[in-house]
Every structure is written in C-alpha cells, then in structure tokens.
C-alpha cells in the first residue's frame, strides 16, 4: 500500500485535484458559511501545503491537493458571501441603488432593460453581490455594460445568485463606461455600420453572431430563437468562438505553429473583450486558451481536465457561479455534451471514420441539447421539438454568415460608397436564416412545456452519465484525441 501511494504522478493530476477541491469548497461555503477561513494567514498554510504536494508529486499528494483546493474554494466563497449584505432591512422599501452594469443588458418588452449590477451601494452603503434590476424609458435604452447607474426603486429579496432585485426602477443618472472596457466602443461602432446597411432582424442576427450583442435582438425574434433551440449560436456562445479559433489556427498554421497560436490567442482575447465576461464566454475563453496552449506544445489534454480546471478558474473569479447561475451550468453542460457524448456517439456508430459537416452538426447539436436538457427542463420547463431541424438548416452556414457580416462591417468603414452592394450577399444569407427561424418557431408544435422537479432532473443527469460510461466501455474512445481547436 505504501509503495502504491508513494509512486510519482504527473502534475496534471495535482492540478485536477486542486480544481475539484476548489469547486467542492466554494459550494460548501454557500451551505455552511463561516468567516473563519477568510483570514489571510490561512492562505500561507494552503500555499505551503500546495507547494509541498507539487514538490513530492506522489499519489498521496493528490488527496492533499484536494484538501488544499477545498480550503481555498471555501475561503474564496466565504469571502464573497461576507461581502454580501442582507437586504431584508430595506425589503419593500424605496432605496437609491448605485452600481456598475456587469454585462450587456437583456432586452425585455418595449423599452425595458434587464441589468446585472455589481459594485453596489444602497443608500450610500456598500453591498457585495450582483443585483437584478429592470428599468424602462428613454434613459434605459442608452444603458450599456460598464456604465455606472443610479437607480431609485423598491428593493426586494434576491433569487438564485442575485443578492437583491429591483423591478421597474427609475434611472436617476447615468455615467458612460466608467469601467475599463476598451472594446465596447469598437463593437458599438461596428454594429452601427452593419445596421446602416442591413435591416432588422437580419442585422441583429449578424451582429449577434460576431459581436454577441444581446440588446440587438428584438424580443419576438429572441423568443423565436429560444423556441427553435438556436440561442446558443447568437448570444456570444462558445460555438462562435470555436469557429473563429479553428479557422484562424488552420490559416496561420501554414505560416508557423507560433503564428497560429499567437493570432488565435489574440483572437480569443479580442472576442471575449468584445462580447464581455459572461459565464458562457468566460468558460469558452479559458477552454479555448488552454486547448491552444496544449496544441502549441504538442500535448493533449483530456476534456475532463479542461472542464474541471476551467470551472475552478471561473469559480475563483466569481464563486456565485456554482451557487446556481443557470448560464454557467448550461455552458459547462453543453461543453460536456460536445466534448464527451458527441465523440462517443460518433465512435459507436461510425468507428474511426471522420464525420462530415452535416453529421458533425447533428451529433454535436443532439449531444449538447441532451446533456443540457435536465437543466433546461428544471429551470425553464420548455423543450424545443424542432431544434435538430433548425440546427441542420442554419448551423452549417454560421461560419459563412460570420465572415460575410464581418466583411460588410469593414466595407462600411473602408468603402462606404459600395458598402450596401458588398452587404447584399450578407443580407440574403441572413434573410434565409431569419426565415427558417421564424417559420419553425410559428409551428404550433415547435416547443412544449414539460414541468420537471429538481430530483427528476438529477435522475435524468445520472442516467445520461451512465449512458456515456456504457458507450465508453463499448468504444474505448481515447478522449485525449478530442481537441477543441482542431
């Protein structure tokens, strides 16, 4: 037993152990909160234990790293919770809330905007956490991410990962771009050029593809996207980033491996900067970056390692993600479907034969939607019946639509005299996509309501995991060969 425990292991096992511990500790901090582990001397203890484990790199040190991760995750989660101030003392009272808009506002009906506000002061008292706020009116239409807003409204208890909620708040003042956000102005200018040449909703669709601008989508069109299961390719999804990284890597790999890795890495940073650090984009950026590093150094990374490490990094930045952020959970679930279930199905039915684009789209779409289905049913209670058909008709054309939209935007800056002519193919392609989405969404059976309890959702998730284990035992697929950027 001693000999087995003392055998050396690769450092990646220690990293995975640390990541698993961080996730478990952050989750524990939410249900069993305590400020005891937030004191700075504890970080010295964890750093010492972690350094010792890395130096020894033996099997028993994996357990040490899990414990260290638990303590680090718990300390970070407890620190975040300690910054939250109970808003019950102002519940149902009219207050003045001042803070910075974290992400792009979501568009509601009419002029309504739904904001996620952080760095909050309520009646000039600092409060931690993120607050959900809805606003209306002309001032509301001008609000963008990174703006500082001062709002007046009735405070209510929060839900999910939101510390508090304020509905139909009055916008008292608005300061533009107080947080460093250099890509925001570039994105807005580019989007305006596209809108000047292509009408809505086609322009909104193209802008969503390449810029991830949520507020560009009309509410009825956003509902149609949800009904046909295509929201994931419009609103700053990892799919869009994957398309760009794969294309960039393949183009510049002909020059050199360094050029391919450097330009692809720059593209990841630029795309995340343009779209904003939402939970899904945080995950997509980290996974793409780690995959690029592995490819550059000629290494392979197991998708499970990418999944766990990316999750731990995002949780260390924002512990509330693991406390119930639906976007964060859906992002990682869809990634698991694409990187685990899709290759397993491909190997089971077709062996080593590489899939064509249609089969790849079908397999990845089906896998992502199946793995995310328990979360969607428990949270939203809605299931799309036309998602596979919509994805087959639209998804293969998304790379071309992204390229044409980008070219049209550039033409608006560089060739204003002929920009509308250059944008005509873009208009036609986006028009086809819009027609498909609206036509399928109008079908009476496009979606259906399915109410599922949390326990039933967990049982469904366990069933999907067991099915993947069975497929792996039958195929013996080597997951290290599955690479996001190739």
Protein backbone atom coordinates (compact mmCIF):
# COMPACT_ATOMS: atom_id res chain seq x y z
CA UNK A 1 0.00 0.00 0.00
CA UNK A 2 2.81 2.38 0.93
CA UNK A 3 4.61 1.63 -2.34
CA UNK A 4 1.43 2.34 -4.34
CA UNK A 5 0.82 5.65 -2.55
CA UNK A 6 4.42 6.76 -2.91
CA UNK A 7 4.57 6.33 -6.69
CA UNK A 8 5.09 9.59 -8.58
CA UNK A 9 2.25 11.08 -10.63
CA UNK A 10 2.06 13.69 -13.36
CA UNK A 11 1.46 17.22 -12.14
CA UNK A 12 -1.80 17.38 -14.11
CA UNK A 13 -3.38 15.06 -11.53
CA UNK A 14 -2.44 17.52 -8.80
CA UNK A 15 -3.98 20.39 -10.79
CA UNK A 16 -7.20 18.42 -11.27
CA UNK A 17 -7.29 17.56 -7.57
CA UNK A 18 -6.87 21.22 -6.69
CA UNK A 19 -9.65 22.21 -9.13
CA UNK A 20 -12.06 19.59 -7.78
CA UNK A 21 -11.35 20.79 -4.26
CA UNK A 22 -11.98 24.42 -5.20
CA UNK A 23 -15.38 23.56 -6.68
CA UNK A 24 -16.36 21.48 -3.64
CA UNK A 25 -15.13 24.10 -1.17
CA UNK A 26 -16.91 27.00 -2.88
CA UNK A 27 -20.15 25.02 -2.92
CA UNK A 28 -19.75 24.09 0.75
CA UNK A 29 -19.19 27.74 1.68
CA UNK A 30 -22.68 28.60 0.41
CA UNK A 31 -24.46 25.97 2.50
CA UNK A 32 -22.21 26.07 5.60
CA UNK A 33 -20.94 29.67 5.69
CA UNK A 34 -18.22 30.77 8.10
CA UNK A 35 -15.70 33.61 8.04
CA UNK A 36 -13.08 31.59 9.91
CA UNK A 37 -11.13 30.56 6.78
CA UNK A 38 -11.10 34.06 5.25
CA UNK A 39 -8.17 35.29 7.39
CA UNK A 40 -5.01 35.84 5.35
CA UNK A 41 -2.72 33.53 7.45
CA UNK A 42 -4.70 30.57 6.15
CA UNK A 43 -3.54 31.36 2.62
CA UNK A 44 0.05 30.90 3.77
CA UNK A 45 -0.86 27.46 5.13
CA UNK A 46 -2.55 26.43 1.88
CA UNK A 47 0.34 27.78 -0.20
CA UNK A 48 2.82 25.78 1.88
CA UNK A 49 0.81 22.55 1.64
CA UNK A 50 0.28 23.01 -2.08
CA UNK A 51 3.98 23.67 -2.67
CA UNK A 52 4.91 20.57 -0.70
CA UNK A 53 2.44 18.44 -2.69
CA UNK A 54 3.80 19.72 -6.02
CA UNK A 55 7.37 19.09 -4.88
CA UNK A 56 6.64 15.49 -3.84
CA UNK A 57 4.18 14.71 -6.72
CA UNK A 58 3.20 11.34 -5.30
CA UNK A 59 -0.19 9.67 -5.36
CA UNK A 60 -0.96 10.55 -1.76
CA UNK A 61 -0.37 14.23 -2.53
CA UNK A 62 -3.44 14.24 -4.80
CA UNK A 63 -5.52 13.99 -1.62
CA UNK A 64 -3.51 16.84 -0.12
CA UNK A 65 -4.24 18.99 -3.18
CA UNK A 66 -7.96 18.21 -2.93
CA UNK A 67 -7.93 19.34 0.71
CA UNK A 68 -5.95 22.47 -0.22
CA UNK A 69 -8.45 23.17 -3.02
CA UNK A 70 -11.37 22.72 -0.63
CA UNK A 71 -9.88 25.23 1.78
CA UNK A 72 -9.06 27.72 -0.99
CA UNK A 73 -12.51 27.38 -2.56
CA UNK A 74 -14.20 27.63 0.83
CA UNK A 75 -12.16 30.69 1.75
CA UNK A 76 -12.95 32.40 -1.55
CA UNK A 77 -16.64 31.55 -1.29
CA UNK A 78 -16.85 32.66 2.33
CA UNK A 79 -15.07 35.90 1.44
CA UNK A 80 -17.63 36.56 -1.32
CA UNK A 81 -20.55 35.77 1.00
CA UNK A 82 -19.12 38.02 3.70
CA UNK A 83 -19.25 40.93 1.25
CA UNK A 84 -22.97 40.36 0.73
CA UNK A 85 -25.15 42.49 2.99
CA UNK A 86 -28.58 41.19 3.92
CA UNK A 87 -31.09 43.43 2.12
CA UNK A 88 -34.00 42.35 4.30
CA UNK A 89 -33.66 45.57 6.31
CA UNK A 90 -34.68 47.53 3.18
CA UNK A 91 -37.04 44.95 1.71
CA UNK A 92 -40.17 46.52 0.16
CA UNK A 93 -38.69 49.98 0.81
CA UNK A 94 -37.77 52.57 -1.81
CA UNK A 95 -34.00 52.95 -1.95
CA UNK A 96 -31.31 54.54 -4.13
CA UNK A 97 -29.02 51.96 -5.71
CA UNK A 98 -25.75 52.93 -7.38
CA UNK A 99 -23.53 50.45 -9.21
CA UNK A 100 -21.84 49.35 -12.42
CA UNK A 101 -23.60 47.29 -15.12
CA UNK A 102 -21.71 43.98 -15.31
CA UNK A 103 -22.89 42.55 -18.65
CA UNK A 104 -24.80 43.60 -21.74
CA UNK A 105 -28.38 44.42 -20.73
CA UNK A 106 -31.07 41.96 -21.80
CA UNK A 107 -33.98 43.44 -23.71
CA UNK A 108 -37.49 42.95 -22.37
CA UNK A 109 -40.76 44.09 -23.82
CA UNK A 110 -40.86 47.64 -25.22
CA UNK A 111 -38.15 49.83 -23.70
CA UNK A 112 -37.49 47.55 -20.72
CA UNK A 113 -33.86 46.65 -19.99
CA UNK A 114 -32.76 43.95 -17.55
CA UNK A 115 -29.50 44.76 -15.82
CA UNK A 116 -26.96 42.86 -13.72
CA UNK A 117 -25.46 45.47 -11.43
CA UNK A 118 -22.33 45.00 -9.32
CA UNK A 119 -20.11 47.22 -7.11
CA UNK A 120 -23.35 48.28 -5.47
CA UNK A 121 -24.10 51.00 -2.93
CA UNK A 122 -27.60 51.07 -1.44
CA UNK A 123 -28.37 54.39 0.22
CA UNK A 124 -24.57 55.01 0.14
CA UNK A 125 -23.80 51.75 1.98
CA UNK A 126 -21.57 49.27 0.13
CA UNK A 127 -23.16 45.89 -0.68
CA UNK A 128 -21.50 42.85 -2.24
CA UNK A 129 -23.01 40.53 -4.81
CA UNK A 130 -24.85 41.15 -8.07
CA UNK A 131 -28.32 42.72 -8.26
CA UNK A 132 -31.04 42.10 -10.84
CA UNK A 133 -32.71 45.34 -11.93
CA UNK A 134 -35.27 46.17 -14.62
CA UNK A 135 -35.57 49.72 -15.98
CA UNK A 136 -37.71 51.40 -18.64
CA UNK A 137 -37.80 54.66 -20.56
CA UNK A 138 -35.50 56.55 -22.92
CA UNK A 139 -32.65 56.63 -20.42
CA UNK A 140 -32.88 52.87 -20.07
CA UNK A 141 -32.32 52.40 -23.80
CA UNK A 142 -28.95 54.17 -23.53
CA UNK A 143 -27.58 51.88 -20.78
CA UNK A 144 -24.67 49.61 -21.77
CA UNK A 145 -22.30 47.35 -19.89
CA UNK A 146 -19.61 49.14 -17.86
CA UNK A 147 -21.93 52.15 -17.27
CA UNK A 148 -22.47 53.41 -13.74
CA UNK A 149 -26.15 53.85 -12.99
CA UNK A 150 -28.00 55.46 -10.11
CA UNK A 151 -31.47 53.98 -9.69
CA UNK A 152 -34.44 54.54 -7.43
CA UNK A 153 -36.94 51.77 -6.74
CA UNK A 154 -38.38 49.27 -4.30
CA UNK A 155 -35.84 46.68 -3.13
CA UNK A 156 -36.91 43.05 -2.91
CA UNK A 157 -35.23 39.83 -1.79
CA UNK A 158 -32.93 38.23 -4.33
CA UNK A 159 -33.33 34.93 -6.14
CA UNK A 160 -30.80 32.39 -7.40
CA UNK A 161 -27.37 34.02 -7.31
CA UNK A 162 -28.71 37.60 -7.13
CA UNK A 163 -28.34 39.36 -3.79
CA UNK A 164 -31.37 41.58 -4.43
CA UNK A 165 -33.98 42.53 -7.04
CA UNK A 166 -35.47 45.83 -8.12
CA UNK A 167 -38.28 46.00 -10.70
CA UNK A 168 -39.14 49.00 -12.90
CA UNK A 169 -36.56 51.22 -11.26
CA UNK A 170 -36.24 54.89 -12.15
CA UNK A 171 -32.94 55.88 -13.80
CA UNK A 172 -31.73 58.92 -11.86
CA UNK A 173 -28.32 59.29 -13.51
CA UNK A 174 -26.07 57.52 -16.00
CA UNK A 175 -22.28 57.70 -16.35
CA UNK A 176 -20.91 56.12 -19.51
CA UNK A 177 -18.16 53.46 -19.47
CA UNK A 178 -16.72 54.10 -16.01
CA UNK A 179 -15.11 50.64 -16.01
CA UNK A 180 -12.16 50.00 -18.32
CA UNK A 181 -13.77 48.42 -21.39
CA UNK A 182 -11.75 49.40 -24.50
CA UNK A 183 -13.55 47.03 -26.90
CA UNK A 184 -17.04 48.36 -26.17
CA UNK A 185 -16.75 51.46 -28.37
CA UNK A 186 -15.27 49.45 -31.25
CA UNK A 187 -18.09 46.93 -31.03
CA UNK A 188 -20.81 49.59 -30.99
CA UNK A 189 -19.33 51.44 -33.97
CA UNK A 190 -19.05 48.23 -35.97
CA UNK A 191 -22.63 47.26 -35.11
CA UNK A 192 -23.95 50.64 -36.24
CA UNK A 193 -22.25 50.23 -39.63
CA UNK A 194 -23.95 46.88 -40.10
CA UNK A 195 -27.35 48.28 -39.10
CA UNK A 196 -26.97 51.11 -41.61
CA UNK A 197 -26.74 48.56 -44.46
CA UNK A 198 -28.90 45.63 -43.33
CA UNK A 199 -32.39 45.88 -41.77
CA UNK A 200 -33.55 44.12 -38.62
CA UNK A 201 -33.91 41.31 -37.65
CA UNK A 202 -31.24 40.23 -40.17
CA UNK A 203 -28.79 42.84 -38.85
CA UNK A 204 -29.48 41.75 -35.26
CA UNK A 205 -28.74 38.15 -36.21
CA UNK A 206 -25.42 39.02 -37.88
CA UNK A 207 -24.39 41.30 -35.00
CA UNK A 208 -25.24 38.52 -32.57
CA UNK A 209 -23.04 36.08 -34.50
CA UNK A 210 -19.85 38.14 -34.48
CA UNK A 211 -20.33 40.59 -31.60
CA UNK A 212 -22.60 38.81 -29.13
CA UNK A 213 -24.69 41.95 -28.66
CA UNK A 214 -27.75 40.78 -26.74
CA UNK A 215 -29.65 44.03 -26.90
CA UNK A 216 -29.63 43.94 -30.73
CA UNK A 217 -32.16 41.11 -30.76
CA UNK A 218 -35.85 42.12 -30.94
CA UNK A 219 -37.87 40.40 -28.18
CA UNK A 220 -40.08 38.43 -30.61
CA UNK A 221 -37.05 37.20 -32.53
CA UNK A 222 -35.29 36.21 -29.30
CA UNK A 223 -38.34 34.17 -28.33
CA UNK A 224 -38.26 32.51 -31.74
CA UNK A 225 -34.59 31.59 -31.26
CA UNK A 226 -35.40 30.04 -27.90
CA UNK A 227 -38.31 28.08 -29.39
CA UNK A 228 -36.13 26.55 -32.13
CA UNK A 229 -33.08 25.97 -29.92
CA UNK A 230 -30.69 28.39 -31.64
CA UNK A 231 -29.98 30.91 -28.89
CA UNK A 232 -26.58 29.28 -28.28
CA UNK A 233 -25.15 30.44 -31.63
CA UNK A 234 -26.33 34.03 -31.44
CA UNK A 235 -25.61 35.39 -28.00
CA UNK A 236 -21.83 35.23 -27.54
CA UNK A 237 -21.60 31.48 -27.36
CA UNK A 238 -18.57 29.25 -27.24
CA UNK A 239 -19.64 27.86 -30.62
CA UNK A 240 -18.90 31.18 -32.33
CA UNK A 241 -15.51 31.40 -30.64
CA UNK A 242 -14.71 27.81 -31.63
CA UNK A 243 -15.45 28.61 -35.29
CA UNK A 244 -13.13 31.62 -35.23
CA UNK A 245 -10.29 29.85 -33.41
CA UNK A 246 -10.40 26.79 -35.67
CA UNK A 247 -10.37 28.93 -38.81
CA UNK A 248 -7.57 31.18 -37.55
CA UNK A 249 -5.42 28.26 -36.41
CA UNK A 250 -5.78 26.43 -39.73
CA UNK A 251 -4.95 29.54 -41.76
CA UNK A 252 -1.86 30.59 -39.81
CA UNK A 253 -0.58 27.05 -39.18
CA UNK A 254 0.70 27.22 -42.77
CA UNK A 255 2.99 30.05 -41.67
CA UNK A 256 4.18 28.60 -38.36
CA UNK A 257 2.85 27.00 -35.22
CA UNK A 258 3.82 30.11 -33.24
CA UNK A 259 1.93 32.41 -35.63
CA UNK A 260 -1.14 30.19 -35.42
CA UNK A 261 -1.09 30.07 -31.61
CA UNK A 262 -0.36 33.81 -31.20
CA UNK A 263 -3.04 35.02 -33.63
CA UNK A 264 -5.61 32.55 -32.31
CA UNK A 265 -4.84 33.59 -28.72
CA UNK A 266 -5.19 37.25 -29.66
CA UNK A 267 -8.49 36.42 -31.31
CA UNK A 268 -9.74 34.75 -28.12
CA UNK A 269 -8.87 37.83 -26.05
CA UNK A 270 -10.45 40.18 -28.59
CA UNK A 271 -13.67 38.16 -28.90
CA UNK A 272 -14.09 37.85 -25.13
CA UNK A 273 -13.33 41.58 -24.80
CA UNK A 274 -15.96 42.47 -27.40
CA UNK A 275 -18.69 40.19 -26.07
CA UNK A 276 -17.99 40.68 -22.34
CA UNK A 277 -17.14 38.32 -19.49
CA UNK A 278 -20.43 36.46 -19.20
CA UNK A 279 -20.33 32.96 -17.62
CA UNK A 280 -20.52 31.24 -21.01
CA UNK A 281 -17.80 33.40 -22.55
CA UNK A 282 -15.55 33.02 -19.50
CA UNK A 283 -15.75 29.26 -19.92
CA UNK A 284 -15.30 29.41 -23.69
CA UNK A 285 -12.28 31.72 -23.48
CA UNK A 286 -10.50 29.64 -20.83
CA UNK A 287 -11.15 26.34 -22.63
CA UNK A 288 -10.04 27.74 -26.00
CA UNK A 289 -6.91 29.25 -24.45
CA UNK A 290 -5.90 26.03 -22.69
CA UNK A 291 -6.60 23.99 -25.83
CA UNK A 292 -4.40 26.33 -27.88
CA UNK A 293 -1.54 26.04 -25.39
CA UNK A 294 -1.76 22.25 -25.48
CA UNK A 295 -1.79 22.25 -29.30
CA UNK A 296 1.17 24.65 -29.47
CA UNK A 297 3.33 22.48 -27.21
CA UNK A 298 2.23 19.29 -28.97
CA UNK A 299 0.38 17.99 -25.93
CA UNK A 300 -3.08 16.53 -25.50
CA UNK A 301 -5.48 17.44 -22.71
CA UNK A 302 -8.31 15.23 -21.56
CA UNK A 303 -11.63 17.12 -21.92
CA UNK A 304 -12.39 16.34 -18.28
CA UNK A 305 -9.26 18.24 -17.25
CA UNK A 306 -10.33 21.24 -19.35
CA UNK A 307 -13.83 21.09 -17.89
CA UNK A 308 -12.77 20.93 -14.24
CA UNK A 309 -9.91 23.44 -14.46
CA UNK A 310 -11.98 25.99 -16.41
CA UNK A 311 -14.82 25.61 -13.91
CA UNK A 312 -12.45 26.14 -10.97
CA UNK A 313 -10.92 29.26 -12.52
CA UNK A 314 -14.31 30.86 -13.16
CA UNK A 315 -15.49 29.98 -9.64
CA UNK A 316 -12.41 31.56 -8.10
CA UNK A 317 -13.22 34.74 -10.02
CA UNK A 318 -16.93 34.63 -9.19
CA UNK A 319 -17.95 31.99 -6.59
CA UNK A 320 -21.67 32.68 -7.11
CA UNK A 321 -21.50 30.87 -10.47
CA UNK A 322 -21.54 27.48 -8.73
CA UNK A 323 -24.29 28.58 -6.35
CA UNK A 324 -26.94 28.41 -9.04
CA UNK A 325 -26.02 30.50 -12.10
CA UNK A 326 -28.03 28.84 -14.88
CA UNK A 327 -25.93 30.33 -17.68
CA UNK A 328 -22.75 28.94 -16.11
CA UNK A 329 -24.28 25.48 -15.66
CA UNK A 330 -25.69 25.37 -19.20
CA UNK A 331 -22.35 26.47 -20.65
CA UNK A 332 -20.41 23.65 -18.98
CA UNK A 333 -23.14 21.10 -19.65
CA UNK A 334 -23.19 21.90 -23.37
CA UNK A 335 -19.38 21.71 -23.44
CA UNK A 336 -19.56 18.27 -21.82
CA UNK A 337 -22.06 17.17 -24.46
CA UNK A 338 -19.88 18.33 -27.35
CA UNK A 339 -16.58 17.02 -25.94
CA UNK A 340 -17.81 13.73 -24.44
CA UNK A 341 -21.15 12.50 -25.77
CA UNK A 342 -20.70 13.62 -29.41
CA UNK A 343 -17.37 11.77 -29.94
CA UNK A 344 -18.74 8.72 -28.15
CA UNK A 345 -21.77 8.56 -30.46
CA UNK A 346 -19.50 9.10 -33.47
CA UNK A 347 -17.18 6.27 -32.35
CA UNK A 348 -20.09 3.94 -31.52
CA UNK A 349 -21.90 4.31 -34.85
CA UNK A 350 -19.05 5.10 -37.27
CA UNK A 351 -15.81 4.00 -35.62
CA UNK A 352 -12.71 5.90 -36.72
CA UNK A 353 -14.37 7.40 -39.80
CA UNK A 354 -14.24 11.22 -39.59
CA UNK A 355 -17.69 12.86 -39.68
CA UNK A 356 -18.77 15.22 -42.44
CA UNK A 357 -20.06 18.65 -41.55
CA UNK A 358 -23.73 17.60 -41.51
CA UNK A 359 -23.12 14.58 -39.28
CA UNK A 360 -20.86 16.62 -37.02
CA UNK A 361 -23.50 19.35 -36.65
CA UNK A 362 -26.20 16.78 -35.92
CA UNK A 363 -24.05 14.89 -33.42
CA UNK A 364 -22.80 17.95 -31.53
CA UNK A 365 -26.23 19.61 -31.51
CA UNK A 366 -28.01 16.49 -30.29
CA UNK A 367 -25.34 15.85 -27.64
CA UNK A 368 -25.28 19.41 -26.31
CA UNK A 369 -29.07 19.58 -26.11
CA UNK A 370 -29.40 16.17 -24.46
CA UNK A 371 -26.85 16.96 -21.74
CA UNK A 372 -28.37 20.39 -21.06
CA UNK A 373 -31.95 19.05 -21.15
CA UNK A 374 -32.23 18.29 -17.39
CA UNK A 375 -31.15 21.85 -16.51
CA UNK A 376 -33.46 23.40 -19.13
CA UNK A 377 -36.49 21.37 -18.02
CA UNK A 378 -35.95 22.07 -14.32
CA UNK A 379 -35.26 25.78 -14.84
CA UNK A 380 -37.49 26.79 -17.76
CA UNK A 381 -39.90 23.91 -18.23
CA UNK A 382 -39.72 24.27 -22.04
CA UNK A 383 -38.34 21.85 -24.64
CA UNK A 384 -37.84 22.57 -28.34
CA UNK A 385 -39.16 19.93 -30.75
CA UNK A 386 -37.56 21.45 -33.85
CA UNK A 387 -34.05 22.12 -32.52
CA UNK A 388 -32.34 19.42 -34.57
CA UNK A 389 -34.01 20.54 -37.81
CA UNK A 390 -33.25 24.22 -37.10
CA UNK A 391 -29.61 23.48 -36.33
CA UNK A 392 -29.19 21.39 -39.50
CA UNK A 393 -30.69 24.17 -41.66
CA UNK A 394 -28.81 27.04 -40.02
CA UNK A 395 -25.66 25.88 -38.21
CA UNK A 396 -23.55 24.81 -41.23
CA UNK A 397 -23.98 28.34 -42.68
CA UNK A 398 -22.99 30.20 -39.50
CA UNK A 399 -19.23 30.42 -40.37
CA UNK A 400 -20.09 31.92 -43.79
CA UNK A 401 -22.58 34.31 -42.19
CA UNK A 402 -19.96 35.45 -39.67
CA UNK A 403 -17.42 36.05 -42.45
CA UNK A 404 -19.87 37.96 -44.66
CA UNK A 405 -21.10 40.07 -41.73
CA UNK A 406 -17.51 40.96 -40.82
CA UNK A 407 -16.71 41.88 -44.44
CA UNK A 408 -19.86 44.03 -44.63
CA UNK A 409 -18.90 45.89 -41.46
CA UNK A 410 -15.40 46.54 -42.77
CA UNK A 411 -16.84 47.77 -46.07
CA UNK A 412 -18.97 50.22 -44.12
CA UNK A 413 -15.77 51.80 -42.77
CA UNK A 414 -13.43 51.46 -45.75
CA UNK A 415 -15.73 51.53 -48.80
CA UNK A 416 -18.84 53.50 -47.81
CA UNK A 417 -19.75 54.16 -51.46
CA UNK A 418 -20.22 50.50 -52.32
CA UNK A 419 -20.87 49.12 -48.82
CA UNK A 420 -24.54 48.34 -49.47
CA UNK A 421 -23.61 46.40 -52.60
CA UNK A 422 -20.98 44.43 -50.68
CA UNK A 423 -23.56 43.72 -47.96
CA UNK A 424 -26.17 42.26 -50.33
CA UNK A 425 -24.95 38.61 -50.06
CA UNK A 426 -24.89 39.02 -46.27
CA UNK A 427 -28.47 40.32 -46.36
CA UNK A 428 -29.62 37.37 -48.47
CA UNK A 429 -27.96 34.74 -46.26
CA UNK A 430 -29.16 36.29 -43.01
CA UNK A 431 -32.61 36.66 -44.57
CA UNK A 432 -32.71 32.92 -45.26
CA UNK A 433 -31.68 32.16 -41.68
CA UNK A 434 -34.26 34.56 -40.30
CA UNK A 435 -36.97 32.99 -42.44
CA UNK A 436 -36.08 29.48 -41.23
CA UNK A 437 -36.09 30.57 -37.58
CA UNK A 438 -39.41 32.41 -37.76
CA UNK A 439 -41.10 29.72 -39.87
CA UNK A 440 -40.13 26.92 -37.48
CA UNK A 441 -40.98 29.00 -34.40
CA UNK A 442 -44.51 29.60 -35.72
CA UNK A 443 -45.26 25.88 -35.90
CA UNK A 444 -47.80 25.03 -33.17
CA UNK A 445 -45.70 22.08 -32.03
CA UNK A 446 -42.32 23.88 -32.15
CA UNK A 447 -41.93 23.66 -28.37
CA UNK A 448 -43.76 22.21 -25.43
CA UNK A 449 -43.93 22.76 -21.71
CA UNK A 450 -42.55 19.99 -19.51
CA UNK A 451 -42.51 20.51 -15.75
CA UNK A 452 -39.70 18.55 -14.06
CA UNK A 453 -38.71 18.55 -10.39
CA UNK A 454 -35.13 19.00 -9.23
CA UNK A 455 -34.89 15.35 -8.15
CA UNK A 456 -36.18 14.17 -11.52
CA UNK A 457 -33.63 16.42 -13.23
CA UNK A 458 -30.81 14.91 -11.14
CA UNK A 459 -32.04 11.41 -12.02
CA UNK A 460 -32.02 12.34 -15.73
CA UNK A 461 -28.47 13.69 -15.44
CA UNK A 462 -27.28 10.48 -13.72
CA UNK A 463 -28.93 8.44 -16.48
CA UNK A 464 -27.09 10.43 -19.18
CA UNK A 465 -23.76 9.98 -17.36
CA UNK A 466 -24.33 6.22 -17.07
CA UNK A 467 -25.18 6.06 -20.78
CA UNK A 468 -21.90 7.83 -21.60
CA UNK A 469 -19.98 5.39 -19.37
CA UNK A 470 -21.62 2.48 -21.22
CA UNK A 471 -20.72 3.99 -24.60
CA UNK A 472 -17.13 4.48 -23.47
CA UNK A 473 -16.86 0.88 -22.30
CA UNK A 474 -18.10 -0.27 -25.70
CA UNK A 475 -15.93 2.05 -27.81
CA UNK A 476 -12.85 2.54 -25.60
CA UNK A 477 -12.57 6.02 -27.08
CA UNK A 478 -9.35 7.88 -26.23
CA UNK A 479 -10.64 11.30 -25.21
CA UNK A 480 -7.19 12.86 -25.42
CA UNK A 481 -7.62 12.80 -29.19
CA UNK A 482 -10.64 15.10 -28.91
CA UNK A 483 -9.34 18.66 -29.35
CA UNK A 484 -11.50 21.77 -29.43
CA UNK A 485 -9.27 23.77 -31.79
CA UNK A 486 -8.50 21.13 -34.41
